[in-house]
Protein backbone atom coordinates (compact mmCIF):
# COMPACT_ATOMS: atom_id res chain seq x y z
CA MET A 1 3.41 -45.94 25.68
CA ALA A 2 4.98 -44.15 22.71
CA SER A 3 4.65 -45.81 19.33
CA ARG A 4 7.73 -47.44 17.87
CA LYS A 5 9.59 -45.57 15.12
CA ASP A 6 12.73 -46.73 13.39
CA TYR A 7 14.72 -43.53 12.89
CA TYR A 8 17.36 -45.34 10.85
CA ASP A 9 14.70 -46.60 8.46
CA ILE A 10 13.18 -43.11 8.22
CA LEU A 11 16.54 -41.66 7.12
CA GLY A 12 17.32 -44.73 4.97
CA ILE A 13 20.69 -45.48 6.64
CA ARG A 14 22.42 -48.40 8.36
CA ARG A 15 22.40 -48.60 12.15
CA SER A 16 26.19 -48.27 12.05
CA ALA A 17 26.04 -45.09 9.92
CA THR A 18 28.59 -42.39 10.65
CA GLU A 19 27.75 -38.81 11.53
CA GLU A 20 28.64 -37.77 7.98
CA GLU A 21 26.27 -40.36 6.52
CA ILE A 22 23.46 -39.21 8.83
CA GLU A 23 24.03 -35.60 7.81
CA LYS A 24 24.14 -36.45 4.10
CA ALA A 25 20.93 -38.52 4.27
CA TYR A 26 19.13 -35.77 6.16
CA ARG A 27 20.15 -33.09 3.67
CA LYS A 28 19.00 -35.21 0.75
CA LEU A 29 15.60 -35.91 2.31
CA THR A 30 14.92 -32.29 3.29
CA ARG A 31 15.44 -31.29 -0.33
CA THR A 32 12.94 -33.95 -1.33
CA TYR A 33 10.23 -33.06 1.20
CA PRO A 34 9.13 -29.43 1.62
CA PHE A 35 8.49 -27.99 5.07
CA SER A 36 4.88 -27.12 4.10
CA PRO A 37 2.52 -29.68 2.50
CA HIS A 38 2.72 -29.80 -1.29
CA PRO A 39 -0.56 -29.67 -3.24
CA GLY A 40 0.30 -32.90 -5.00
CA HIS A 41 1.53 -34.63 -1.87
CA PRO A 42 -0.44 -33.55 1.23
CA THR A 43 1.62 -35.78 3.58
CA ALA A 44 4.93 -34.17 2.64
CA GLY A 45 4.83 -31.78 5.59
CA SER A 46 4.37 -34.57 8.14
CA ARG A 47 7.16 -36.59 6.52
CA PHE A 48 9.46 -33.60 6.81
CA ARG A 49 8.76 -33.33 10.52
CA GLU A 50 9.32 -37.07 10.92
CA ILE A 51 12.66 -36.84 9.09
CA SER A 52 13.72 -33.86 11.21
CA GLU A 53 12.74 -35.71 14.38
CA ALA A 54 14.89 -38.68 13.37
CA TYR A 55 17.82 -36.42 12.52
CA GLU A 56 17.51 -34.53 15.79
CA VAL A 57 17.91 -37.78 17.74
CA LEU A 58 20.52 -39.57 15.62
CA SER A 59 22.74 -36.54 15.13
CA ASN A 60 23.10 -36.15 18.89
CA LYS A 61 25.54 -38.69 20.36
CA GLU A 62 23.87 -38.90 23.78
CA LYS A 63 20.32 -39.12 22.37
CA ARG A 64 21.37 -41.69 19.81
CA GLU A 65 22.89 -43.94 22.50
CA ARG A 66 19.74 -43.61 24.59
CA TYR A 67 17.59 -44.43 21.54
CA ASP A 68 19.75 -47.44 20.61
CA ARG A 69 19.34 -48.82 24.11
CA SER A 70 15.56 -48.38 24.27
CA GLY A 71 14.66 -48.97 20.63
CA PHE A 72 11.81 -46.47 20.92
CA GLU A 73 11.41 -42.83 20.08
CA LEU A 74 11.68 -40.43 23.01
CA PRO A 75 8.49 -38.74 24.24
CA SER A 76 8.23 -35.29 22.79
CA ARG A 77 5.96 -32.32 23.25
CA ASP A 78 6.58 -30.46 20.05
CA PHE A 79 8.52 -30.31 16.82
CA PHE A 80 12.31 -30.27 17.44
CA TRP A 81 11.63 -30.44 21.18
CA ASP A 82 13.19 -33.33 23.08
CA TYR A 83 11.43 -33.85 26.38
CA ASP A 84 12.83 -35.34 29.53
CA PRO A 85 10.84 -35.24 32.82
CA GLU A 86 14.05 -34.30 34.65
CA ASP A 87 14.40 -31.22 32.46
CA GLU A 88 10.90 -29.88 33.16
CA GLU A 89 12.16 -26.51 34.37
CA GLU A 90 14.85 -26.07 31.74
CA ASP A 91 14.46 -23.77 28.77
CA VAL A 92 14.19 -25.23 25.31
CA ASN A 93 17.57 -25.10 23.61
CA PHE A 94 17.89 -25.22 19.84
CA GLU A 95 21.64 -24.78 19.82
CA GLY A 96 23.22 -26.73 17.03
CA PHE A 97 20.05 -26.73 14.90
CA GLU A 98 20.44 -23.23 13.44
CA ASP A 99 21.36 -24.64 10.04
CA VAL A 100 18.36 -26.98 10.15
CA PHE A 101 15.88 -24.17 10.77
CA GLU A 102 17.68 -21.83 8.41
CA GLY A 103 17.60 -24.37 5.60
CA SER A 104 13.99 -25.31 6.23
CA PHE A 105 12.61 -21.79 6.29
CA ARG A 106 14.89 -20.60 3.54
CA GLU A 107 13.46 -23.27 1.29
CA GLY A 108 9.98 -22.27 2.41
CA ASP A 109 10.68 -18.61 1.68
CA ARG A 110 11.85 -19.48 -1.79
CA ALA A 111 8.69 -21.49 -2.38
CA VAL A 112 6.56 -18.55 -1.32
CA SER A 113 8.55 -16.07 -3.36
CA ARG A 114 8.06 -18.18 -6.48
CA ASN A 115 4.36 -17.46 -6.38
CA PRO A 116 3.26 -14.43 -8.47
CA GLN A 117 2.96 -11.40 -6.21
CA LYS A 118 1.46 -8.02 -7.02
CA GLY A 119 3.91 -5.13 -7.07
CA LYS A 120 3.88 -2.29 -4.57
CA ASP A 121 1.66 0.73 -5.08
CA LEU A 122 3.47 3.88 -6.20
CA PRO A 123 2.31 6.90 -4.15
CA CYS A 124 2.71 10.49 -5.28
CA THR A 125 1.31 13.93 -4.44
CA VAL A 126 -0.02 16.11 -7.26
CA GLU A 127 -0.64 19.82 -6.74
CA ILE A 128 -3.34 21.26 -8.98
CA LYS A 129 -4.97 24.66 -9.39
CA PHE A 130 -8.34 25.48 -7.87
CA GLU A 131 -9.92 25.82 -11.32
CA GLU A 132 -8.49 22.43 -12.42
CA ALA A 133 -10.17 20.74 -9.45
CA ILE A 134 -13.50 22.35 -10.36
CA ARG A 135 -13.45 21.90 -14.13
CA GLY A 136 -11.17 18.88 -14.49
CA ALA A 137 -7.89 18.71 -16.38
CA VAL A 138 -5.08 16.48 -17.60
CA VAL A 139 -1.75 17.01 -15.82
CA GLU A 140 1.62 15.37 -16.15
CA VAL A 141 3.12 13.58 -13.16
CA GLN A 142 6.78 12.63 -12.80
CA VAL A 143 7.36 9.36 -10.93
CA MET A 144 10.28 7.00 -10.32
CA ARG A 145 8.94 3.73 -11.70
CA GLU A 146 10.48 0.26 -12.00
CA THR A 147 10.92 -1.18 -15.47
CA PRO A 148 12.31 -4.58 -16.57
CA CYS A 149 16.05 -4.49 -17.14
CA PRO A 150 16.54 -4.54 -20.92
CA SER A 151 19.93 -6.25 -20.65
CA CYS A 152 18.64 -9.40 -18.92
CA SER A 153 14.91 -9.15 -19.79
CA GLY A 154 14.13 -8.91 -16.09
CA LYS A 155 15.79 -12.23 -15.12
CA GLY A 156 18.66 -10.71 -13.14
CA VAL A 157 21.40 -12.85 -14.73
CA ASP A 158 23.72 -12.31 -17.66
CA PRO A 159 22.19 -14.37 -20.50
CA THR A 160 25.59 -14.57 -22.22
CA GLY A 161 27.49 -15.49 -19.07
CA PRO A 162 28.67 -18.90 -17.83
CA GLN A 163 26.27 -21.62 -16.68
CA LYS A 164 26.40 -24.57 -14.33
CA ALA A 165 24.25 -27.58 -13.59
CA CYS A 166 21.31 -26.72 -11.38
CA ASP A 167 22.26 -27.61 -7.81
CA GLN A 168 18.64 -28.25 -6.80
CA CYS A 169 17.84 -30.95 -9.35
CA GLY A 170 21.42 -31.99 -10.12
CA GLY A 171 20.95 -31.12 -13.79
CA ALA A 172 17.97 -33.44 -14.22
CA GLY A 173 15.43 -30.68 -14.78
CA GLN A 174 13.03 -32.36 -12.35
CA VAL A 175 12.91 -33.05 -8.63
CA GLN A 176 11.35 -35.98 -6.81
CA ILE A 177 8.75 -35.31 -4.16
CA GLY A 178 8.35 -38.05 -1.57
CA LEU A 179 9.67 -41.58 -1.48
CA PRO A 180 8.49 -44.64 -3.37
CA PRO A 181 5.83 -45.88 -3.73
CA SER A 182 4.14 -42.50 -3.32
CA ALA A 183 6.88 -40.47 -4.97
CA PHE A 184 6.21 -38.18 -7.92
CA SER A 185 8.24 -35.73 -9.99
CA GLN A 186 7.78 -32.08 -10.84
CA VAL A 187 9.65 -29.49 -12.87
CA CYS A 188 12.57 -28.07 -10.92
CA PRO A 189 11.45 -24.74 -9.45
CA ARG A 190 14.92 -23.23 -9.74
CA CYS A 191 16.00 -23.98 -13.32
CA HIS A 192 12.39 -24.45 -14.58
CA GLY A 193 13.40 -27.63 -16.37
CA TRP A 194 16.37 -26.14 -18.29
CA LYS A 195 18.82 -28.24 -16.22
CA LYS A 196 21.36 -25.40 -16.06
CA ILE A 197 21.39 -22.02 -14.36
CA HIS A 198 23.32 -18.84 -15.08
CA ILE A 199 25.81 -17.97 -12.37
CA GLN A 200 26.78 -14.42 -13.36
CA LEU A 201 24.54 -11.56 -12.27
CA CYS A 202 23.44 -8.96 -14.76
CA GLY A 203 25.81 -6.00 -14.66
CA SER A 204 23.15 -3.45 -15.58
CA CYS A 205 20.72 -4.17 -12.72
CA SER A 206 23.08 -5.98 -10.28
CA GLY A 207 20.84 -9.03 -10.36
CA GLU A 208 17.63 -7.20 -9.44
CA GLY A 209 16.03 -7.72 -12.84
CA ARG A 210 14.63 -4.20 -12.81
CA LEU A 211 15.74 -0.59 -13.13
CA THR A 212 14.18 2.52 -11.60
CA ARG A 213 13.69 5.35 -14.07
CA LYS A 214 11.92 8.68 -14.14
CA GLU A 215 8.72 8.58 -16.16
CA VAL A 216 6.13 11.19 -17.06
CA VAL A 217 2.61 9.83 -16.62
CA PRO A 218 -0.50 11.72 -17.83
CA LEU A 219 -3.10 11.97 -15.08
CA LYS A 220 -6.73 12.79 -15.87
CA ILE A 221 -8.36 14.91 -13.15
CA PRO A 222 -12.15 14.53 -13.17
CA ALA A 223 -14.28 17.62 -12.58
CA GLY A 224 -15.41 18.19 -9.01
CA VAL A 225 -12.50 16.61 -7.11
CA ASP A 226 -11.47 18.10 -3.78
CA ASP A 227 -8.37 18.44 -1.66
CA HIS A 228 -6.89 15.08 -0.48
CA CYS A 229 -8.82 13.06 -3.09
CA ARG A 230 -6.92 10.04 -4.38
CA ILE A 231 -6.83 8.83 -7.97
CA TYR A 232 -5.76 5.25 -8.75
CA LEU A 233 -4.11 4.30 -12.02
CA LYS A 234 -4.34 0.52 -12.14
CA GLY A 235 -1.18 -1.28 -13.21
CA MET A 236 0.97 1.87 -13.23
CA GLY A 237 2.82 1.10 -10.00
CA GLN A 238 5.94 -0.95 -9.29
CA MET A 239 6.71 -4.31 -10.91
CA GLY A 240 5.35 -7.52 -9.44
CA GLU A 241 7.36 -10.56 -8.36
CA ASN A 242 7.61 -13.75 -10.41
CA GLY A 243 5.28 -12.59 -13.14
CA GLY A 244 2.78 -10.96 -10.79
CA PRO A 245 0.86 -7.85 -11.89
CA ARG A 246 2.10 -4.34 -11.31
CA GLY A 247 0.85 -2.31 -8.39
CA ASP A 248 -1.18 0.86 -8.82
CA LEU A 249 -0.15 4.48 -9.03
CA VAL A 250 -1.91 6.33 -6.19
CA ALA A 251 -2.03 10.11 -6.72
CA THR A 252 -3.12 12.24 -3.75
CA LEU A 253 -4.41 15.65 -4.86
CA LYS A 254 -3.41 18.90 -3.23
CA VAL A 255 -5.66 21.75 -4.39
CA GLN A 256 -4.25 25.27 -4.30
CA LYS A 257 -6.17 28.00 -2.47
CA HIS A 258 -8.15 30.52 -4.53
CA PRO A 259 -7.64 34.25 -3.87
CA PHE A 260 -11.35 34.95 -3.24
CA PHE A 261 -13.45 31.80 -3.74
CA GLN A 262 -13.94 29.35 -0.88
CA ARG A 263 -15.35 25.87 -1.39
CA ASN A 264 -17.89 24.22 0.89
CA GLY A 265 -18.87 20.86 -0.55
CA ASP A 266 -20.41 21.54 -3.97
CA HIS A 267 -21.01 25.25 -3.26
CA LEU A 268 -18.67 28.18 -3.85
CA HIS A 269 -18.71 31.04 -1.35
CA LEU A 270 -17.77 34.61 -2.19
CA GLU A 271 -17.76 37.78 -0.05
CA VAL A 272 -18.76 40.98 -1.88
CA PRO A 273 -18.27 44.39 -0.22
CA LEU A 274 -21.06 46.96 -0.56
CA ALA A 275 -21.00 50.69 0.04
CA ILE A 276 -23.48 51.88 2.62
CA TRP A 277 -25.57 53.65 0.00
CA GLU A 278 -25.60 50.54 -2.26
CA ALA A 279 -26.92 48.49 0.64
CA ALA A 280 -29.55 51.11 1.49
CA LEU A 281 -30.74 52.08 -1.98
CA GLY A 282 -30.02 48.89 -3.95
CA ALA A 283 -27.69 48.62 -6.92
CA GLU A 284 -26.37 46.48 -9.76
CA VAL A 285 -22.85 45.20 -9.17
CA GLU A 286 -20.43 42.96 -11.06
CA VAL A 287 -19.41 39.75 -9.27
CA PRO A 288 -16.91 37.10 -10.45
CA THR A 289 -17.95 33.55 -11.25
CA LEU A 290 -15.94 30.64 -12.62
CA ASP A 291 -17.46 31.44 -16.02
CA GLY A 292 -16.56 35.15 -15.90
CA LEU A 293 -18.23 38.30 -14.58
CA ALA A 294 -21.96 38.38 -13.85
CA ILE A 295 -24.29 41.33 -13.13
CA LEU A 296 -26.08 40.95 -9.79
CA THR A 297 -29.04 43.09 -8.71
CA ILE A 298 -28.85 44.13 -5.06
CA PRO A 299 -32.28 44.83 -3.49
CA GLN A 300 -32.84 47.83 -1.23
CA ALA A 301 -32.09 47.65 2.49
CA MET A 302 -29.54 44.85 2.13
CA LYS A 303 -28.25 43.91 5.57
CA ASN A 304 -24.66 43.11 6.43
CA GLY A 305 -24.02 39.34 6.06
CA GLU A 306 -27.14 38.67 3.98
CA ARG A 307 -26.71 36.18 1.14
CA LEU A 308 -27.84 35.72 -2.42
CA ARG A 309 -27.41 32.60 -4.58
CA LEU A 310 -26.46 32.08 -8.17
CA PRO A 311 -27.93 28.63 -8.97
CA GLY A 312 -25.71 26.24 -10.92
CA LYS A 313 -22.60 28.42 -10.64
CA GLY A 314 -20.87 26.21 -8.08
CA VAL A 315 -18.90 22.96 -8.29
CA PRO A 316 -19.98 20.23 -10.74
CA TYR A 317 -21.30 17.16 -8.96
CA PHE A 318 -18.58 14.53 -8.98
CA HIS A 319 -20.91 11.84 -10.32
CA GLY A 320 -22.58 14.19 -12.79
CA GLY A 321 -26.12 15.51 -12.93
CA GLY A 322 -25.63 19.20 -12.23
CA CYS A 323 -23.70 21.71 -10.17
CA GLY A 324 -23.86 23.37 -6.81
CA ASP A 325 -24.57 27.09 -6.26
CA GLN A 326 -22.45 30.16 -5.84
CA VAL A 327 -23.34 31.73 -2.49
CA ILE A 328 -22.58 35.46 -2.16
CA SER A 329 -22.33 37.11 1.25
CA PHE A 330 -22.47 40.92 1.43
CA ILE A 331 -20.21 42.95 3.70
CA ILE A 332 -21.27 46.57 4.19
CA VAL A 333 -18.30 48.92 4.25
CA VAL A 334 -18.56 52.24 6.14
CA PRO A 335 -16.56 55.19 4.74
CA GLN A 336 -13.46 55.87 6.81
CA ASP A 337 -12.35 59.35 5.74
CA MET A 338 -15.38 61.71 5.68
CA ASP A 339 -15.33 65.47 5.29
CA GLU A 340 -17.74 67.80 7.09
CA ARG A 341 -20.30 67.68 4.28
CA ALA A 342 -20.41 63.87 4.36
CA LYS A 343 -20.84 63.90 8.10
CA LYS A 344 -23.64 66.44 7.77
CA ILE A 345 -25.43 64.23 5.24
CA LEU A 346 -25.18 61.22 7.58
CA GLY A 347 -26.40 63.39 10.46
CA GLU A 348 -29.46 64.37 8.42
CA LEU A 349 -30.01 60.66 7.66
CA LYS A 350 -29.89 59.98 11.39
CA ARG A 351 -32.45 62.73 12.05
CA LEU A 352 -34.81 61.27 9.46
CA ASN A 353 -34.39 57.72 10.81
CA PRO A 354 -34.16 58.04 14.63
CA GLU A 355 -34.77 54.34 15.27
CA THR A 356 -31.62 52.29 15.74
CA PRO A 357 -31.11 48.66 14.59
CA ARG A 358 -31.06 47.67 18.25
CA GLN A 359 -34.58 48.92 18.84
CA GLY A 360 -36.68 46.11 20.33
CA ASN A 361 -33.73 43.86 21.28
CA ILE A 362 -34.03 42.24 24.69
CA TRP A 363 -31.09 44.10 26.21
CA SER A 364 -32.74 47.49 25.29
CA PHE A 365 -35.38 46.96 28.04
CA ARG A 366 -34.09 48.04 31.39
CA PRO A 367 -35.54 46.61 34.60
CA LYS A 368 -37.58 49.01 36.77
């Protein structure tokens, strides 16, 4: 058997109360009890559900008559859900309670929004030169950043405009939570105890409390960063809500391509062309590095694609402690336009060196 509940006593009204009196009592109590439990009054949430249950029955003429006849609450399966065994197959219908739910969750949303919330991160893409990524640099970034409205100091209302008594506390500056004997008071969350609220929105920010302006932010690029790296500037993002901290500025780096250097991790790769005689006889050639030109000694009989390293001439390690290498690959270039004398010289070279580079390869042996 369901436990007995006096819905009239829960709403604090007479049994002969009119529909207007029921509505007025319900509205007053829902402002007193929050939908979610309050830290200082853990039973407030259950009281709210109890009040809503009583209102749901007494505000409905048919349910109220049925309740008055039985004197007991109707069996229910869930919050705001009147259950009748004959209606087992019917869908739940909340028609007529839109304002109840809207008011309840609107109040809840306001309670949540009053908590300090961190602002949104401010993303941006920064294109830097190849050398800046290797050596590090300081670049300027233009962003559209929120700042407190100077006209209203971020409050969103005209401080010189008209005021009215706070409609949440009735101008008392405090609100009561619960009913005696367990009732207690707290500072009104809307007027913050000032008893009055401004009713005219700030004309500069249209009530937003913030303005979006273009700002130039210096961004320090550490040495050794790579393409798609992200740099976070803490507290340089958008404004927070209700006194919450700012978000972060998140800069994604886009590194420009270099005309002849290629990066592979902490190493720099460079292709250097060699004339056929330089590869055969050896030579000293100038090669570029990030620190300028360097003289490189090429040993004799250098093969196409062979590599030499310049230690410490690569990318600085991101966490410090040294640098990578510069890796040089040699590409042997054959002369394209040769006169008869050049061809004769190469023919003599062929006569003196009859063996071909393919000598001894597996495909040079033919089956018998």
